[in-house]
Amino acid sequence: MSELKVNTHHLYFERKRWNSMRLSNQIRNLDRSQVLLPIELHADLHANTSPMAIPSAFVARVGLERILSMKRSYKTLDVAKDTEDFMRSIGENYHDDATEIANKLSEQIPYIQLGVDSLKRRHIA
């Protein structure tokens, strides 16, 4: 069996945009905000999803607090699903940037699930 080639995917992309502010940089670079994906799947994800805008300081702060409060055993897929639900609940209270983050995470979750499943089958994850 040939070795599966992987890339690190950051849930919060694009790099230049998300690294431009302290809070968003912290969120983007958390290990729980990154996942290994097969190279082709990673390329498909970026080809078929769009990057999310930087959230307001409030949404970034509560998002970071939420992610940091999660159990260390949570995998990136769990973090993405929980953060999507949390951002959607904040968005219901008129924070459109939180709703956008929830929608963008929702677009990525099927790709992440495929990647996790693929790597488990290959015993890489």
N, C-alpha and C. Protein backbone atom coordinates (compact mmCIF):
# COMPACT_ATOMS: atom_id res chain seq x y z
N MET A 1 0.84 -1.17 0.00
CA MET A 1 0.00 0.00 0.00
C MET A 1 0.90 1.24 0.00
N SER A 2 0.65 2.13 -0.94
CA SER A 2 1.47 3.34 -1.01
C SER A 2 1.07 4.30 0.11
N GLU A 3 2.02 5.12 0.50
CA GLU A 3 1.77 6.08 1.58
C GLU A 3 0.87 7.19 1.07
N LEU A 4 -0.12 7.51 1.84
CA LEU A 4 -1.06 8.58 1.50
C LEU A 4 -0.41 9.92 1.82
N LYS A 5 -0.38 10.81 0.87
CA LYS A 5 0.20 12.14 1.08
C LYS A 5 -0.87 13.07 1.64
N VAL A 6 -0.49 13.84 2.66
CA VAL A 6 -1.44 14.70 3.35
C VAL A 6 -0.92 16.13 3.46
N ASN A 7 -1.85 17.05 3.66
CA ASN A 7 -1.56 18.46 3.94
C ASN A 7 -2.29 18.83 5.22
N THR A 8 -1.79 19.84 5.89
CA THR A 8 -2.50 20.38 7.05
C THR A 8 -3.51 21.40 6.57
N HIS A 9 -4.77 21.19 6.93
CA HIS A 9 -5.83 22.14 6.60
C HIS A 9 -6.16 22.95 7.84
N HIS A 10 -6.20 24.26 7.70
CA HIS A 10 -6.65 25.16 8.76
C HIS A 10 -8.12 25.47 8.51
N LEU A 11 -8.96 25.23 9.50
CA LEU A 11 -10.39 25.51 9.35
C LEU A 11 -10.65 26.96 8.99
N TYR A 12 -9.81 27.84 9.53
CA TYR A 12 -10.02 29.27 9.35
C TYR A 12 -8.99 29.77 8.34
N PHE A 13 -9.42 29.89 7.12
CA PHE A 13 -8.53 30.32 6.05
C PHE A 13 -9.13 31.52 5.37
N GLU A 14 -8.37 32.35 4.90
CA GLU A 14 -7.03 32.34 4.36
C GLU A 14 -6.03 32.85 5.38
N ARG A 15 -4.80 32.35 5.26
CA ARG A 15 -3.75 32.62 6.25
C ARG A 15 -3.52 34.11 6.48
N LYS A 16 -3.29 34.87 5.42
CA LYS A 16 -2.95 36.29 5.57
C LYS A 16 -4.06 37.03 6.32
N ARG A 17 -5.29 36.76 5.95
CA ARG A 17 -6.43 37.43 6.57
C ARG A 17 -6.54 37.05 8.05
N TRP A 18 -6.52 35.75 8.36
CA TRP A 18 -6.73 35.29 9.73
C TRP A 18 -5.53 35.56 10.63
N ASN A 19 -4.35 35.67 10.08
CA ASN A 19 -3.18 35.96 10.90
C ASN A 19 -2.99 37.45 11.13
N SER A 20 -3.87 38.27 10.56
CA SER A 20 -3.71 39.72 10.65
C SER A 20 -4.13 40.30 12.00
N MET A 21 -4.92 39.58 12.77
CA MET A 21 -5.37 40.07 14.08
C MET A 21 -5.02 39.03 15.15
N ARG A 22 -4.72 39.50 16.35
CA ARG A 22 -4.26 38.61 17.42
C ARG A 22 -5.25 37.49 17.73
N LEU A 23 -6.53 37.82 17.94
CA LEU A 23 -7.51 36.80 18.31
C LEU A 23 -7.74 35.80 17.18
N SER A 24 -7.89 36.30 15.97
CA SER A 24 -8.14 35.38 14.86
C SER A 24 -6.90 34.52 14.58
N ASN A 25 -5.72 35.08 14.78
CA ASN A 25 -4.48 34.32 14.63
C ASN A 25 -4.44 33.18 15.64
N GLN A 26 -4.82 33.46 16.89
CA GLN A 26 -4.84 32.42 17.92
C GLN A 26 -5.81 31.30 17.53
N ILE A 27 -6.99 31.67 17.07
CA ILE A 27 -7.99 30.67 16.67
C ILE A 27 -7.45 29.81 15.53
N ARG A 28 -6.94 30.46 14.52
CA ARG A 28 -6.48 29.75 13.32
C ARG A 28 -5.35 28.77 13.61
N ASN A 29 -4.48 29.13 14.53
CA ASN A 29 -3.28 28.33 14.77
C ASN A 29 -3.37 27.35 15.93
N LEU A 30 -4.54 27.23 16.54
CA LEU A 30 -4.74 26.19 17.56
C LEU A 30 -4.64 24.83 16.89
N ASP A 31 -4.06 23.86 17.59
CA ASP A 31 -3.98 22.52 17.00
C ASP A 31 -5.37 21.96 16.72
N ARG A 32 -6.35 22.35 17.49
CA ARG A 32 -7.73 21.88 17.30
C ARG A 32 -8.42 22.55 16.11
N SER A 33 -7.78 23.53 15.51
CA SER A 33 -8.32 24.21 14.33
C SER A 33 -7.61 23.75 13.07
N GLN A 34 -6.87 22.65 13.18
CA GLN A 34 -6.12 22.13 12.05
C GLN A 34 -6.36 20.62 11.95
N VAL A 35 -6.35 20.12 10.73
CA VAL A 35 -6.55 18.69 10.52
C VAL A 35 -5.75 18.24 9.30
N LEU A 36 -5.22 17.03 9.36
CA LEU A 36 -4.55 16.47 8.21
C LEU A 36 -5.59 15.95 7.23
N LEU A 37 -5.43 16.30 5.96
CA LEU A 37 -6.32 15.83 4.91
C LEU A 37 -5.48 15.30 3.75
N PRO A 38 -5.96 14.25 3.08
CA PRO A 38 -5.28 13.83 1.85
C PRO A 38 -5.19 15.02 0.89
N ILE A 39 -4.09 15.13 0.18
CA ILE A 39 -3.81 16.29 -0.66
C ILE A 39 -4.95 16.59 -1.64
N GLU A 40 -5.44 15.57 -2.33
CA GLU A 40 -6.51 15.80 -3.31
C GLU A 40 -7.79 16.30 -2.65
N LEU A 41 -8.12 15.74 -1.50
CA LEU A 41 -9.32 16.17 -0.79
C LEU A 41 -9.16 17.61 -0.29
N HIS A 42 -7.96 17.94 0.17
CA HIS A 42 -7.67 19.29 0.63
C HIS A 42 -7.85 20.28 -0.52
N ALA A 43 -7.35 19.93 -1.69
CA ALA A 43 -7.52 20.79 -2.87
C ALA A 43 -8.99 20.94 -3.24
N ASP A 44 -9.75 19.84 -3.16
CA ASP A 44 -11.19 19.89 -3.44
C ASP A 44 -11.91 20.80 -2.46
N LEU A 45 -11.55 20.70 -1.19
CA LEU A 45 -12.18 21.55 -0.17
C LEU A 45 -11.98 23.02 -0.53
N HIS A 46 -10.76 23.39 -0.84
CA HIS A 46 -10.49 24.80 -1.15
C HIS A 46 -11.12 25.24 -2.47
N ALA A 47 -11.27 24.30 -3.40
CA ALA A 47 -11.89 24.63 -4.68
C ALA A 47 -13.41 24.82 -4.55
N ASN A 48 -14.01 24.17 -3.56
CA ASN A 48 -15.46 24.16 -3.46
C ASN A 48 -16.04 24.88 -2.24
N THR A 49 -15.18 25.48 -1.44
CA THR A 49 -15.64 26.28 -0.31
C THR A 49 -14.94 27.63 -0.38
N SER A 50 -15.51 28.60 0.27
CA SER A 50 -14.89 29.92 0.24
C SER A 50 -14.41 30.29 1.64
N PRO A 51 -13.36 31.11 1.70
CA PRO A 51 -12.83 31.51 3.01
C PRO A 51 -13.84 32.37 3.77
N MET A 52 -13.73 32.33 5.08
CA MET A 52 -14.62 33.15 5.89
C MET A 52 -13.95 34.45 6.28
N ALA A 53 -14.77 35.45 6.46
CA ALA A 53 -14.27 36.76 6.87
C ALA A 53 -13.82 36.71 8.32
N ILE A 54 -13.00 37.65 8.68
CA ILE A 54 -12.58 37.79 10.08
C ILE A 54 -13.80 38.22 10.89
N PRO A 55 -14.05 37.56 12.01
CA PRO A 55 -15.20 37.95 12.82
C PRO A 55 -14.93 39.22 13.63
N SER A 56 -16.00 39.76 14.17
CA SER A 56 -15.86 40.89 15.10
C SER A 56 -15.05 40.44 16.31
N ALA A 57 -14.54 41.40 17.06
CA ALA A 57 -13.75 41.08 18.25
C ALA A 57 -14.58 40.25 19.24
N PHE A 58 -15.86 40.58 19.39
CA PHE A 58 -16.73 39.83 20.31
C PHE A 58 -16.83 38.37 19.88
N VAL A 59 -17.16 38.14 18.62
CA VAL A 59 -17.34 36.77 18.12
C VAL A 59 -16.02 36.00 18.19
N ALA A 60 -14.91 36.66 17.85
CA ALA A 60 -13.61 36.00 17.94
C ALA A 60 -13.29 35.63 19.39
N ARG A 61 -13.55 36.53 20.31
CA ARG A 61 -13.24 36.27 21.73
C ARG A 61 -14.07 35.12 22.29
N VAL A 62 -15.38 35.13 22.05
CA VAL A 62 -16.21 34.05 22.60
C VAL A 62 -15.95 32.74 21.86
N GLY A 63 -15.60 32.82 20.57
CA GLY A 63 -15.24 31.62 19.83
C GLY A 63 -13.98 30.98 20.37
N LEU A 64 -12.96 31.80 20.62
CA LEU A 64 -11.71 31.30 21.18
C LEU A 64 -11.95 30.70 22.56
N GLU A 65 -12.71 31.39 23.40
CA GLU A 65 -13.01 30.87 24.73
C GLU A 65 -13.72 29.53 24.65
N ARG A 66 -14.66 29.41 23.71
CA ARG A 66 -15.39 28.16 23.54
C ARG A 66 -14.46 27.03 23.12
N ILE A 67 -13.61 27.29 22.14
CA ILE A 67 -12.69 26.25 21.66
C ILE A 67 -11.73 25.83 22.77
N LEU A 68 -11.20 26.81 23.49
CA LEU A 68 -10.26 26.49 24.57
C LEU A 68 -10.92 25.74 25.72
N SER A 69 -12.23 25.91 25.88
CA SER A 69 -12.93 25.23 26.97
C SER A 69 -13.25 23.77 26.65
N MET A 70 -13.10 23.37 25.39
CA MET A 70 -13.41 22.00 25.00
C MET A 70 -12.36 21.04 25.54
N LYS A 71 -12.79 19.82 25.75
CA LYS A 71 -11.89 18.79 26.25
C LYS A 71 -10.72 18.61 25.28
N ARG A 72 -9.55 18.37 25.82
CA ARG A 72 -8.36 18.17 24.98
C ARG A 72 -8.52 16.95 24.08
N SER A 73 -9.39 16.02 24.49
CA SER A 73 -9.58 14.80 23.69
C SER A 73 -10.39 15.06 22.42
N TYR A 74 -11.02 16.23 22.34
CA TYR A 74 -11.79 16.54 21.14
C TYR A 74 -10.88 16.60 19.93
N LYS A 75 -11.31 15.96 18.86
CA LYS A 75 -10.60 16.02 17.59
C LYS A 75 -11.12 17.23 16.82
N THR A 76 -10.40 17.61 15.76
CA THR A 76 -10.78 18.78 14.98
C THR A 76 -12.20 18.68 14.45
N LEU A 77 -12.63 17.50 14.04
CA LEU A 77 -14.00 17.33 13.54
C LEU A 77 -15.01 17.67 14.63
N ASP A 78 -14.77 17.20 15.86
CA ASP A 78 -15.66 17.51 16.99
C ASP A 78 -15.68 19.02 17.26
N VAL A 79 -14.50 19.62 17.21
CA VAL A 79 -14.38 21.06 17.46
C VAL A 79 -15.14 21.84 16.39
N ALA A 80 -14.99 21.42 15.12
CA ALA A 80 -15.68 22.11 14.03
C ALA A 80 -17.20 22.02 14.20
N LYS A 81 -17.70 20.85 14.53
CA LYS A 81 -19.15 20.67 14.70
C LYS A 81 -19.67 21.48 15.89
N ASP A 82 -18.96 21.43 17.00
CA ASP A 82 -19.38 22.17 18.19
C ASP A 82 -19.32 23.68 17.93
N THR A 83 -18.24 24.12 17.29
CA THR A 83 -18.09 25.55 16.99
C THR A 83 -19.16 26.01 16.02
N GLU A 84 -19.49 25.17 15.03
CA GLU A 84 -20.57 25.52 14.10
C GLU A 84 -21.87 25.75 14.87
N ASP A 85 -22.24 24.81 15.75
CA ASP A 85 -23.47 24.95 16.54
C ASP A 85 -23.44 26.19 17.42
N PHE A 86 -22.29 26.42 18.07
CA PHE A 86 -22.15 27.57 18.96
C PHE A 86 -22.27 28.88 18.18
N MET A 87 -21.59 28.97 17.04
CA MET A 87 -21.66 30.19 16.23
C MET A 87 -23.06 30.41 15.69
N ARG A 88 -23.75 29.35 15.33
CA ARG A 88 -25.13 29.49 14.85
C ARG A 88 -26.02 30.06 15.96
N SER A 89 -25.81 29.61 17.20
CA SER A 89 -26.61 30.13 18.32
C SER A 89 -26.31 31.61 18.57
N ILE A 90 -25.05 32.01 18.43
CA ILE A 90 -24.70 33.43 18.57
C ILE A 90 -25.31 34.23 17.42
N GLY A 91 -25.27 33.67 16.23
CA GLY A 91 -25.81 34.34 15.05
C GLY A 91 -27.30 34.64 15.18
N GLU A 92 -28.01 33.80 15.92
CA GLU A 92 -29.43 34.03 16.14
C GLU A 92 -29.67 35.31 16.92
N ASN A 93 -28.66 35.79 17.61
CA ASN A 93 -28.76 37.03 18.38
C ASN A 93 -28.15 38.20 17.63
N TYR A 94 -28.30 38.17 16.31
CA TYR A 94 -27.93 39.30 15.44
C TYR A 94 -26.44 39.51 15.25
N HIS A 95 -25.68 38.45 15.33
CA HIS A 95 -24.25 38.55 15.02
C HIS A 95 -24.04 37.83 13.69
N ASP A 96 -24.21 38.56 12.59
CA ASP A 96 -24.14 37.95 11.26
C ASP A 96 -22.79 37.29 10.98
N ASP A 97 -21.71 37.83 11.55
CA ASP A 97 -20.40 37.22 11.31
C ASP A 97 -20.32 35.83 11.93
N ALA A 98 -21.01 35.61 13.04
CA ALA A 98 -21.05 34.28 13.65
C ALA A 98 -21.81 33.31 12.76
N THR A 99 -22.90 33.77 12.17
CA THR A 99 -23.66 32.92 11.26
C THR A 99 -22.81 32.55 10.04
N GLU A 100 -22.04 33.52 9.53
CA GLU A 100 -21.17 33.22 8.39
C GLU A 100 -20.14 32.15 8.75
N ILE A 101 -19.54 32.27 9.93
CA ILE A 101 -18.57 31.27 10.36
C ILE A 101 -19.24 29.90 10.45
N ALA A 102 -20.43 29.84 11.04
CA ALA A 102 -21.16 28.58 11.13
C ALA A 102 -21.40 27.99 9.74
N ASN A 103 -21.82 28.82 8.80
CA ASN A 103 -22.08 28.34 7.44
C ASN A 103 -20.80 27.84 6.77
N LYS A 104 -19.71 28.54 6.95
CA LYS A 104 -18.44 28.14 6.33
C LYS A 104 -17.91 26.85 6.95
N LEU A 105 -18.05 26.70 8.27
CA LEU A 105 -17.66 25.44 8.90
C LEU A 105 -18.52 24.30 8.40
N SER A 106 -19.81 24.56 8.25
CA SER A 106 -20.74 23.54 7.75
C SER A 106 -20.32 23.05 6.36
N GLU A 107 -19.84 23.96 5.51
CA GLU A 107 -19.36 23.57 4.18
C GLU A 107 -18.14 22.66 4.27
N GLN A 108 -17.30 22.86 5.27
CA GLN A 108 -16.05 22.11 5.38
C GLN A 108 -16.22 20.74 6.04
N ILE A 109 -17.21 20.60 6.90
CA ILE A 109 -17.34 19.39 7.71
C ILE A 109 -17.41 18.10 6.88
N PRO A 110 -18.16 18.05 5.78
CA PRO A 110 -18.15 16.80 5.00
C PRO A 110 -16.75 16.43 4.48
N TYR A 111 -15.96 17.41 4.08
CA TYR A 111 -14.60 17.15 3.62
C TYR A 111 -13.73 16.63 4.76
N ILE A 112 -13.87 17.25 5.92
CA ILE A 112 -13.09 16.83 7.08
C ILE A 112 -13.46 15.40 7.46
N GLN A 113 -14.77 15.10 7.45
CA GLN A 113 -15.21 13.74 7.77
C GLN A 113 -14.63 12.73 6.79
N LEU A 114 -14.66 13.05 5.50
CA LEU A 114 -14.06 12.16 4.49
C LEU A 114 -12.57 11.96 4.74
N GLY A 115 -11.89 13.04 5.08
CA GLY A 115 -10.46 12.95 5.35
C GLY A 115 -10.15 12.11 6.56
N VAL A 116 -10.90 12.32 7.63
CA VAL A 116 -10.71 11.54 8.86
C VAL A 116 -10.95 10.06 8.57
N ASP A 117 -12.04 9.76 7.87
CA ASP A 117 -12.35 8.37 7.54
C ASP A 117 -11.27 7.74 6.68
N SER A 118 -10.79 8.50 5.69
CA SER A 118 -9.74 8.00 4.80
C SER A 118 -8.46 7.70 5.56
N LEU A 119 -8.09 8.59 6.46
CA LEU A 119 -6.86 8.40 7.22
C LEU A 119 -7.00 7.25 8.22
N LYS A 120 -8.19 7.06 8.77
CA LYS A 120 -8.40 5.93 9.68
C LYS A 120 -8.23 4.62 8.94
N ARG A 121 -8.77 4.57 7.71
CA ARG A 121 -8.63 3.35 6.92
C ARG A 121 -7.16 3.07 6.60
N ARG A 122 -6.38 4.11 6.49
CA ARG A 122 -4.95 3.96 6.16
C ARG A 122 -4.09 3.92 7.42
N HIS A 123 -4.72 4.01 8.59
CA HIS A 123 -4.01 3.96 9.88
C HIS A 123 -3.01 5.09 10.06
N ILE A 124 -3.37 6.27 9.52
CA ILE A 124 -2.49 7.43 9.66
C ILE A 124 -2.97 8.33 10.80
N ALA A 125 -4.28 8.38 10.99
CA ALA A 125 -4.85 9.30 11.99
C ALA A 125 -4.59 8.79 13.39
